[in-house]
């Protein structure tokens, strides 16, 4: 089973993944990267909107796929969800 690595990279920073994760395919690696983005989203705020990417590489450390982390989109979605919850509570409360 191939091992994939999920390196975080911005314009000025890089956080390497030295352990990686064994997954069946690049599609599975992409799904894992999306789950990582969801987790990262929980620990960031609007000030952390620097452009980041997850660079998925294989055992040879060749870049296989670059997944952008769309913080500005995620924050707008978070605000929409928050506003909908407030409206829902006011109409049902």
PDB file of N, CA and C in Angstrom:
ATOM      1  N   UNK A   1       0.851  -1.175   0.000  1.00  0.00           N
ATOM      2  CA  UNK A   1       0.000   0.000   0.000  1.00  0.00           C
ATOM      3  C   UNK A   1       0.901   1.243   0.000  1.00  0.00           C
ATOM      4  N   UNK A   2       0.617   2.199  -0.885  1.00  0.00           N
ATOM      5  CA  UNK A   2       1.474   3.395  -0.952  1.00  0.00           C
ATOM      6  C   UNK A   2       1.312   4.299   0.272  1.00  0.00           C
ATOM      7  N   UNK A   3       2.381   5.002   0.578  1.00  0.00           N
ATOM      8  CA  UNK A   3       2.362   5.975   1.673  1.00  0.00           C
ATOM      9  C   UNK A   3       2.342   7.367   1.055  1.00  0.00           C
ATOM     10  N   UNK A   4       1.433   8.210   1.568  1.00  0.00           N
ATOM     11  CA  UNK A   4       1.297   9.578   1.109  1.00  0.00           C
ATOM     12  C   UNK A   4       1.643  10.519   2.253  1.00  0.00           C
ATOM     13  N   UNK A   5       2.212  11.665   1.900  1.00  0.00           N
ATOM     14  CA  UNK A   5       2.620  12.673   2.876  1.00  0.00           C
ATOM     15  C   UNK A   5       1.829  13.955   2.607  1.00  0.00           C
ATOM     16  N   UNK A   6       1.465  14.645   3.656  1.00  0.00           N
ATOM     17  CA  UNK A   6       0.587  15.806   3.570  1.00  0.00           C
ATOM     18  C   UNK A   6       1.308  17.018   4.164  1.00  0.00           C
ATOM     19  N   UNK A   7       2.063  17.706   3.322  1.00  0.00           N
ATOM     20  CA  UNK A   7       2.854  18.853   3.753  1.00  0.00           C
ATOM     21  C   UNK A   7       2.003  20.111   3.660  1.00  0.00           C
ATOM     22  N   UNK A   8       2.040  20.939   4.706  1.00  0.00           N
ATOM     23  CA  UNK A   8       1.337  22.220   4.684  1.00  0.00           C
ATOM     24  C   UNK A   8       2.327  23.291   4.230  1.00  0.00           C
ATOM     25  N   UNK A   9       1.880  24.140   3.305  1.00  0.00           N
ATOM     26  CA  UNK A   9       2.782  25.164   2.775  1.00  0.00           C
ATOM     27  C   UNK A   9       2.019  26.451   2.522  1.00  0.00           C
ATOM     28  N   UNK A  10       2.646  27.548   2.931  1.00  0.00           N
ATOM     29  CA  UNK A  10       2.149  28.881   2.600  1.00  0.00           C
ATOM     30  C   UNK A  10       3.267  29.605   1.864  1.00  0.00           C
ATOM     31  N   UNK A  11       3.037  30.872   1.581  1.00  0.00           N
ATOM     32  CA  UNK A  11       4.059  31.661   0.894  1.00  0.00           C
ATOM     33  C   UNK A  11       5.356  31.710   1.700  1.00  0.00           C
ATOM     34  N   UNK A  12       5.235  31.824   3.032  1.00  0.00           N
ATOM     35  CA  UNK A  12       6.413  32.012   3.873  1.00  0.00           C
ATOM     36  C   UNK A  12       6.726  30.848   4.809  1.00  0.00           C
ATOM     37  N   UNK A  13       5.858  29.854   4.863  1.00  0.00           N
ATOM     38  CA  UNK A  13       6.050  28.765   5.842  1.00  0.00           C
ATOM     39  C   UNK A  13       5.839  27.405   5.199  1.00  0.00           C
ATOM     40  N   UNK A  14       6.428  26.409   5.852  1.00  0.00           N
ATOM     41  CA  UNK A  14       6.255  25.019   5.415  1.00  0.00           C
ATOM     42  C   UNK A  14       6.240  24.141   6.661  1.00  0.00           C
ATOM     43  N   UNK A  15       5.234  23.286   6.744  1.00  0.00           N
ATOM     44  CA  UNK A  15       5.149  22.319   7.835  1.00  0.00           C
ATOM     45  C   UNK A  15       5.182  20.937   7.196  1.00  0.00           C
ATOM     46  N   UNK A  16       6.317  20.244   7.299  1.00  0.00           N
ATOM     47  CA  UNK A  16       6.439  18.943   6.636  1.00  0.00           C
ATOM     48  C   UNK A  16       5.723  17.836   7.404  1.00  0.00           C
ATOM     49  N   UNK A  17       5.284  16.860   6.671  1.00  0.00           N
ATOM     50  CA  UNK A  17       4.713  15.642   7.238  1.00  0.00           C
ATOM     51  C   UNK A  17       5.775  14.555   7.078  1.00  0.00           C
ATOM     52  N   UNK A  18       6.416  14.187   8.170  1.00  0.00           N
ATOM     53  CA  UNK A  18       7.499  13.205   8.105  1.00  0.00           C
ATOM     54  C   UNK A  18       7.023  11.763   8.255  1.00  0.00           C
ATOM     55  N   UNK A  19       5.790  11.571   8.726  1.00  0.00           N
ATOM     56  CA  UNK A  19       5.320  10.202   8.952  1.00  0.00           C
ATOM     57  C   UNK A  19       4.400   9.699   7.848  1.00  0.00           C
ATOM     58  N   UNK A  20       3.573  10.547   7.285  1.00  0.00           N
ATOM     59  CA  UNK A  20       2.689  10.139   6.204  1.00  0.00           C
ATOM     60  C   UNK A  20       1.598   9.188   6.658  1.00  0.00           C
ATOM     61  N   UNK A  21       0.857   8.701   5.680  1.00  0.00           N
ATOM     62  CA  UNK A  21      -0.255   7.793   5.950  1.00  0.00           C
ATOM     63  C   UNK A  21      -0.387   6.831   4.781  1.00  0.00           C
ATOM     64  N   UNK A  22      -0.544   5.550   5.103  1.00  0.00           N
ATOM     65  CA  UNK A  22      -0.755   4.558   4.056  1.00  0.00           C
ATOM     66  C   UNK A  22      -2.209   4.599   3.610  1.00  0.00           C
ATOM     67  N   UNK A  23      -2.391   4.784   2.315  1.00  0.00           N
ATOM     68  CA  UNK A  23      -3.726   4.839   1.725  1.00  0.00           C
ATOM     69  C   UNK A  23      -3.714   4.079   0.410  1.00  0.00           C
ATOM     70  N   UNK A  24      -4.881   3.671  -0.037  1.00  0.00           N
ATOM     71  CA  UNK A  24      -4.966   2.854  -1.247  1.00  0.00           C
ATOM     72  C   UNK A  24      -4.663   3.603  -2.535  1.00  0.00           C
ATOM     73  N   UNK A  25      -5.034   4.886  -2.601  1.00  0.00           N
ATOM     74  CA  UNK A  25      -4.911   5.594  -3.874  1.00  0.00           C
ATOM     75  C   UNK A  25      -4.757   7.093  -3.649  1.00  0.00           C
ATOM     76  N   UNK A  26      -4.472   7.798  -4.725  1.00  0.00           N
ATOM     77  CA  UNK A  26      -4.396   9.243  -4.666  1.00  0.00           C
ATOM     78  C   UNK A  26      -5.771   9.833  -4.348  1.00  0.00           C
ATOM     79  N   UNK A  27      -6.836   9.200  -4.794  1.00  0.00           N
ATOM     80  CA  UNK A  27      -8.192   9.650  -4.444  1.00  0.00           C
ATOM     81  C   UNK A  27      -8.407   9.588  -2.938  1.00  0.00           C
ATOM     82  N   UNK A  28      -7.946   8.510  -2.304  1.00  0.00           N
ATOM     83  CA  UNK A  28      -8.051   8.403  -0.847  1.00  0.00           C
ATOM     84  C   UNK A  28      -7.201   9.469  -0.160  1.00  0.00           C
ATOM     85  N   UNK A  29      -6.047   9.769  -0.743  1.00  0.00           N
ATOM     86  CA  UNK A  29      -5.183  10.814  -0.187  1.00  0.00           C
ATOM     87  C   UNK A  29      -5.873  12.170  -0.284  1.00  0.00           C
ATOM     88  N   UNK A  30      -6.551  12.439  -1.402  1.00  0.00           N
ATOM     89  CA  UNK A  30      -7.289  13.684  -1.552  1.00  0.00           C
ATOM     90  C   UNK A  30      -8.396  13.778  -0.488  1.00  0.00           C
ATOM     91  N   UNK A  31      -9.133  12.691  -0.269  1.00  0.00           N
ATOM     92  CA  UNK A  31     -10.176  12.672   0.760  1.00  0.00           C
ATOM     93  C   UNK A  31      -9.588  12.956   2.139  1.00  0.00           C
ATOM     94  N   UNK A  32      -8.427  12.378   2.416  1.00  0.00           N
ATOM     95  CA  UNK A  32      -7.754  12.617   3.701  1.00  0.00           C
ATOM     96  C   UNK A  32      -7.345  14.092   3.825  1.00  0.00           C
ATOM     97  N   UNK A  33      -6.849  14.683   2.738  1.00  0.00           N
ATOM     98  CA  UNK A  33      -6.481  16.102   2.756  1.00  0.00           C
ATOM     99  C   UNK A  33      -7.705  16.970   3.054  1.00  0.00           C
ATOM    100  N   UNK A  34      -8.854  16.622   2.499  1.00  0.00           N
ATOM    101  CA  UNK A  34     -10.084  17.382   2.773  1.00  0.00           C
ATOM    102  C   UNK A  34     -10.466  17.283   4.244  1.00  0.00           C
ATOM    103  N   UNK A  35     -10.267  16.127   4.850  1.00  0.00           N
ATOM    104  CA  UNK A  35     -10.534  15.973   6.287  1.00  0.00           C
ATOM    105  C   UNK A  35      -9.554  16.815   7.111  1.00  0.00           C
ATOM    106  N   UNK A  36      -8.299  16.875   6.666  1.00  0.00           N
ATOM    107  CA  UNK A  36      -7.324  17.726   7.347  1.00  0.00           C
ATOM    108  C   UNK A  36      -7.744  19.194   7.281  1.00  0.00           C
ATOM    109  N   UNK A  37      -8.244  19.617   6.128  1.00  0.00           N
ATOM    110  CA  UNK A  37      -8.695  21.002   5.979  1.00  0.00           C
ATOM    111  C   UNK A  37      -9.820  21.298   6.958  1.00  0.00           C
ATOM    112  N   UNK A  38     -10.750  20.363   7.112  1.00  0.00           N
ATOM    113  CA  UNK A  38     -11.845  20.546   8.075  1.00  0.00           C
ATOM    114  C   UNK A  38     -11.311  20.698   9.495  1.00  0.00           C
ATOM    115  N   UNK A  39     -10.309  19.904   9.854  1.00  0.00           N
ATOM    116  CA  UNK A  39      -9.722  20.005  11.194  1.00  0.00           C
ATOM    117  C   UNK A  39      -8.977  21.325  11.371  1.00  0.00           C
ATOM    118  N   UNK A  40      -8.228  21.730  10.364  1.00  0.00           N
ATOM    119  CA  UNK A  40      -7.491  22.994  10.427  1.00  0.00           C
ATOM    120  C   UNK A  40      -8.476  24.143  10.578  1.00  0.00           C
ATOM    121  N   UNK A  41      -9.579  24.073   9.882  1.00  0.00           N
ATOM    122  CA  UNK A  41     -10.603  25.114   9.908  1.00  0.00           C
ATOM    123  C   UNK A  41     -11.120  25.345  11.327  1.00  0.00           C
ATOM    124  N   UNK A  42     -11.194  24.287  12.125  1.00  0.00           N
ATOM    125  CA  UNK A  42     -11.691  24.406  13.494  1.00  0.00           C
ATOM    126  C   UNK A  42     -10.758  25.232  14.380  1.00  0.00           C
ATOM    127  N   UNK A  43      -9.481  25.308  14.022  1.00  0.00           N
ATOM    128  CA  UNK A  43      -8.488  25.967  14.875  1.00  0.00           C
ATOM    129  C   UNK A  43      -7.947  27.259  14.291  1.00  0.00           C
ATOM    130  N   UNK A  44      -8.642  27.821  13.316  1.00  0.00           N
ATOM    131  CA  UNK A  44      -8.182  29.063  12.717  1.00  0.00           C
ATOM    132  C   UNK A  44      -9.260  30.133  12.873  1.00  0.00           C
ATOM    133  N   UNK A  45      -8.852  31.377  12.735  1.00  0.00           N
ATOM    134  CA  UNK A  45      -9.817  32.460  12.710  1.00  0.00           C
ATOM    135  C   UNK A  45      -9.517  33.351  11.516  1.00  0.00           C
ATOM    136  N   UNK A  46     -10.259  34.410  11.379  1.00  0.00           N
ATOM    137  CA  UNK A  46     -10.157  35.252  10.197  1.00  0.00           C
ATOM    138  C   UNK A  46      -8.752  35.840  10.014  1.00  0.00           C
ATOM    139  N   UNK A  47      -7.996  36.002  11.091  1.00  0.00           N
ATOM    140  CA  UNK A  47      -6.635  36.531  10.980  1.00  0.00           C
ATOM    141  C   UNK A  47      -5.665  35.534  10.360  1.00  0.00           C
ATOM    142  N   UNK A  48      -6.052  34.270  10.298  1.00  0.00           N
ATOM    143  CA  UNK A  48      -5.195  33.222   9.747  1.00  0.00           C
ATOM    144  C   UNK A  48      -5.510  32.957   8.276  1.00  0.00           C
ATOM    145  N   UNK A  49      -5.864  33.989   7.549  1.00  0.00           N
ATOM    146  CA  UNK A  49      -6.346  33.791   6.184  1.00  0.00           C
ATOM    147  C   UNK A  49      -5.231  33.764   5.141  1.00  0.00           C
ATOM    148  N   UNK A  50      -3.989  33.621   5.582  1.00  0.00           N
ATOM    149  CA  UNK A  50      -2.878  33.489   4.639  1.00  0.00           C
ATOM    150  C   UNK A  50      -3.144  32.271   3.749  1.00  0.00           C
ATOM    151  N   UNK A  51      -2.750  32.355   2.508  1.00  0.00           N
ATOM    152  CA  UNK A  51      -3.007  31.271   1.571  1.00  0.00           C
ATOM    153  C   UNK A  51      -2.124  30.064   1.885  1.00  0.00           C
ATOM    154  N   UNK A  52      -2.761  28.951   2.200  1.00  0.00           N
ATOM    155  CA  UNK A  52      -2.077  27.699   2.497  1.00  0.00           C
ATOM    156  C   UNK A  52      -2.500  26.642   1.493  1.00  0.00           C
ATOM    157  N   UNK A  53      -1.623  25.659   1.295  1.00  0.00           N
ATOM    158  CA  UNK A  53      -1.914  24.500   0.461  1.00  0.00           C
ATOM    159  C   UNK A  53      -1.484  23.250   1.201  1.00  0.00           C
ATOM    160  N   UNK A  54      -2.139  22.151   0.883  1.00  0.00           N
ATOM    161  CA  UNK A  54      -1.647  20.844   1.303  1.00  0.00           C
ATOM    162  C   UNK A  54      -1.020  20.214   0.067  1.00  0.00           C
ATOM    163  N   UNK A  55       0.242  19.880   0.174  1.00  0.00           N
ATOM    164  CA  UNK A  55       0.949  19.236  -0.932  1.00  0.00           C
ATOM    165  C   UNK A  55       1.031  17.758  -0.606  1.00  0.00           C
ATOM    166  N   UNK A  56       0.354  16.959  -1.401  1.00  0.00           N
ATOM    167  CA  UNK A  56       0.346  15.511  -1.208  1.00  0.00           C
ATOM    168  C   UNK A  56       1.475  14.937  -2.055  1.00  0.00           C
ATOM    169  N   UNK A  57       2.365  14.199  -1.413  1.00  0.00           N
ATOM    170  CA  UNK A  57       3.453  13.554  -2.157  1.00  0.00           C
ATOM    171  C   UNK A  57       3.466  12.059  -1.831  1.00  0.00           C
ATOM    172  N   UNK A  58       4.203  11.333  -2.645  1.00  0.00           N
ATOM    173  CA  UNK A  58       4.309   9.885  -2.447  1.00  0.00           C
ATOM    174  C   UNK A  58       5.635   9.539  -1.775  1.00  0.00           C
ATOM    175  N   UNK A  59       5.967   8.256  -1.754  1.00  0.00           N
ATOM    176  CA  UNK A  59       7.191   7.800  -1.089  1.00  0.00           C
ATOM    177  C   UNK A  59       8.462   8.432  -1.660  1.00  0.00           C
ATOM    178  N   UNK A  60       8.429   8.799  -2.932  1.00  0.00           N
ATOM    179  CA  UNK A  60       9.605   9.411  -3.549  1.00  0.00           C
ATOM    180  C   UNK A  60       9.607  10.932  -3.356  1.00  0.00           C
ATOM    181  N   UNK A  61       8.609  11.471  -2.633  1.00  0.00           N
ATOM    182  CA  UNK A  61       8.454  12.902  -2.371  1.00  0.00           C
ATOM    183  C   UNK A  61       8.289  13.719  -3.641  1.00  0.00           C
ATOM    184  N   UNK A  62       7.733  13.108  -4.677  1.00  0.00           N
ATOM    185  CA  UNK A  62       7.334  13.846  -5.866  1.00  0.00           C
ATOM    186  C   UNK A  62       5.956  14.445  -5.575  1.00  0.00           C
ATOM    187  N   UNK A  63       5.735  15.702  -5.918  1.00  0.00           N
ATOM    188  CA  UNK A  63       4.419  16.295  -5.699  1.00  0.00           C
ATOM    189  C   UNK A  63       3.404  15.572  -6.564  1.00  0.00           C
ATOM    190  N   UNK A  64       2.402  15.015  -5.946  1.00  0.00           N
ATOM    191  CA  UNK A  64       1.371  14.301  -6.670  1.00  0.00           C
ATOM    192  C   UNK A  64       0.121  15.142  -6.861  1.00  0.00           C
ATOM    193  N   UNK A  65      -0.175  15.975  -5.846  1.00  0.00           N
ATOM    194  CA  UNK A  65      -1.394  16.768  -5.887  1.00  0.00           C
ATOM    195  C   UNK A  65      -1.254  17.940  -4.921  1.00  0.00           C
ATOM    196  N   UNK A  66      -1.724  19.108  -5.331  1.00  0.00           N
ATOM    197  CA  UNK A  66      -1.734  20.277  -4.458  1.00  0.00           C
ATOM    198  C   UNK A  66      -3.184  20.648  -4.205  1.00  0.00           C
ATOM    199  N   UNK A  67      -3.556  20.680  -2.925  1.00  0.00           N
ATOM    200  CA  UNK A  67      -4.932  20.996  -2.536  1.00  0.00           C
ATOM    201  C   UNK A  67      -4.920  22.341  -1.818  1.00  0.00           C
ATOM    202  N   UNK A  68      -5.520  23.377  -2.405  1.00  0.00           N
ATOM    203  CA  UNK A  68      -5.557  24.678  -1.736  1.00  0.00           C
ATOM    204  C   UNK A  68      -6.504  24.643  -0.540  1.00  0.00           C
ATOM    205  N   UNK A  69      -6.182  25.421   0.478  1.00  0.00           N
ATOM    206  CA  UNK A  69      -7.051  25.566   1.645  1.00  0.00           C
ATOM    207  C   UNK A  69      -7.742  26.920   1.496  1.00  0.00           C
ATOM    208  N   UNK A  70      -9.006  26.920   1.107  1.00  0.00           N
ATOM    209  CA  UNK A  70      -9.708  28.174   0.802  1.00  0.00           C
ATOM    210  C   UNK A  70     -10.260  28.846   2.047  1.00  0.00           C
ATOM    211  N   UNK A  71      -9.394  29.444   2.880  1.00  0.00           N
ATOM    212  CA  UNK A  71      -9.841  30.027   4.142  1.00  0.00           C
ATOM    213  C   UNK A  71     -10.928  31.069   3.938  1.00  0.00           C
ATOM    214  N   UNK A  72     -10.787  31.961   2.957  1.00  0.00           N
ATOM    215  CA  UNK A  72     -11.795  33.011   2.787  1.00  0.00           C
ATOM    216  C   UNK A  72     -13.153  32.396   2.486  1.00  0.00           C
ATOM    217  N   UNK A  73     -13.197  31.332   1.681  1.00  0.00           N
ATOM    218  CA  UNK A  73     -14.452  30.646   1.398  1.00  0.00           C
ATOM    219  C   UNK A  73     -14.994  29.985   2.659  1.00  0.00           C
ATOM    220  N   UNK A  74     -14.126  29.328   3.415  1.00  0.00           N
ATOM    221  CA  UNK A  74     -14.577  28.645   4.628  1.00  0.00           C
ATOM    222  C   UNK A  74     -15.139  29.624   5.638  1.00  0.00           C
ATOM    223  N   UNK A  75     -14.518  30.800   5.766  1.00  0.00           N
ATOM    224  CA  UNK A  75     -15.026  31.773   6.725  1.00  0.00           C
ATOM    225  C   UNK A  75     -16.375  32.319   6.294  1.00  0.00           C
ATOM    226  N   UNK A  76     -16.591  32.519   4.997  1.00  0.00           N
ATOM    227  CA  UNK A  76     -17.894  33.004   4.552  1.00  0.00           C
ATOM    228  C   UNK A  76     -18.952  31.933   4.782  1.00  0.00           C
ATOM    229  N   UNK A  77     -18.610  30.669   4.579  1.00  0.00           N
ATOM    230  CA  UNK A  77     -19.547  29.578   4.851  1.00  0.00           C
ATOM    231  C   UNK A  77     -19.850  29.485   6.342  1.00  0.00           C
ATOM    232  N   UNK A  78     -18.832  29.682   7.177  1.00  0.00           N
ATOM    233  CA  UNK A  78     -19.028  29.636   8.634  1.00  0.00           C
ATOM    234  C   UNK A  78     -20.006  30.731   9.056  1.00  0.00           C
ATOM    235  N   UNK A  79     -19.843  31.937   8.483  1.00  0.00           N
ATOM    236  CA  UNK A  79     -20.754  33.038   8.817  1.00  0.00           C
ATOM    237  C   UNK A  79     -22.172  32.713   8.368  1.00  0.00           C
ATOM    238  N   UNK A  80     -22.340  32.135   7.161  1.00  0.00           N
ATOM    239  CA  UNK A  80     -23.672  31.770   6.676  1.00  0.00           C
ATOM    240  C   UNK A  80     -24.322  30.765   7.619  1.00  0.00           C
ATOM    241  N   UNK A  81     -23.572  29.749   8.011  1.00  0.00           N
ATOM    242  CA  UNK A  81     -24.117  28.738   8.915  1.00  0.00           C
ATOM    243  C   UNK A  81     -24.513  29.357  10.240  1.00  0.00           C
ATOM    244  N   UNK A  82     -23.699  30.264  10.757  1.00  0.00           N
ATOM    245  CA  UNK A  82     -24.011  30.938  12.007  1.00  0.00           C
ATOM    246  C   UNK A  82     -25.269  31.770  11.893  1.00  0.00           C
ATOM    247  N   UNK A  83     -25.431  32.512  10.806  1.00  0.00           N
ATOM    248  CA  UNK A  83     -26.621  33.333  10.597  1.00  0.00           C
ATOM    249  C   UNK A  83     -27.866  32.484  10.436  1.00  0.00           C
ATOM    250  N   UNK A  84     -27.762  31.347   9.739  1.00  0.00           N
ATOM    251  CA  UNK A  84     -28.904  30.464   9.577  1.00  0.00           C
ATOM    252  C   UNK A  84     -29.313  29.861  10.913  1.00  0.00           C
ATOM    253  N   UNK A  85     -28.356  29.516  11.767  1.00  0.00           N
ATOM    254  CA  UNK A  85     -28.666  28.955  13.084  1.00  0.00           C
ATOM    255  C   UNK A  85     -29.390  29.978  13.938  1.00  0.00           C
ATOM    256  N   UNK A  86     -28.965  31.231  13.860  1.00  0.00           N
ATOM    257  CA  UNK A  86     -29.628  32.296  14.638  1.00  0.00           C
ATOM    258  C   UNK A  86     -31.053  32.467  14.152  1.00  0.00           C
ATOM    259  N   UNK A  87     -31.258  32.495  12.824  1.00  0.00           N
ATOM    260  CA  UNK A  87     -32.610  32.632  12.281  1.00  0.00           C
ATOM    261  C   UNK A  87     -33.481  31.446  12.685  1.00  0.00           C
ATOM    262  N   UNK A  88     -32.923  30.251  12.626  1.00  0.00           N
ATOM    263  CA  UNK A  88     -33.658  29.039  12.982  1.00  0.00           C
ATOM    264  C   UNK A  88     -34.090  29.094  14.459  1.00  0.00           C
ATOM    265  N   UNK A  89     -33.198  29.516  15.333  1.00  0.00           N
ATOM    266  CA  UNK A  89     -33.518  29.616  16.751  1.00  0.00           C
ATOM    267  C   UNK A  89     -34.596  30.666  17.004  1.00  0.00           C
ATOM    268  N   UNK A  90     -34.537  31.796  16.301  1.00  0.00           N
ATOM    269  CA  UNK A  90     -35.509  32.855  16.545  1.00  0.00           C
ATOM    270  C   UNK A  90     -36.903  32.478  16.047  1.00  0.00           C
ATOM    271  N   UNK A  91     -36.980  31.642  14.993  1.00  0.00           N
ATOM    272  CA  UNK A  91     -38.289  31.239  14.491  1.00  0.00           C
ATOM    273  C   UNK A  91     -38.850  30.039  15.240  1.00  0.00           C
ATOM    274  N   UNK A  92     -38.003  29.266  15.864  1.00  0.00           N
ATOM    275  CA  UNK A  92     -38.456  28.078  16.598  1.00  0.00           C
ATOM    276  C   UNK A  92     -38.408  28.264  18.105  1.00  0.00           C
ATOM    277  N   UNK A  93     -37.884  29.372  18.553  1.00  0.00           N
ATOM    278  CA  UNK A  93     -37.606  29.526  19.976  1.00  0.00           C
ATOM    279  C   UNK A  93     -38.651  30.234  20.697  1.00  0.00           C
TER     280      UNK A  93
END
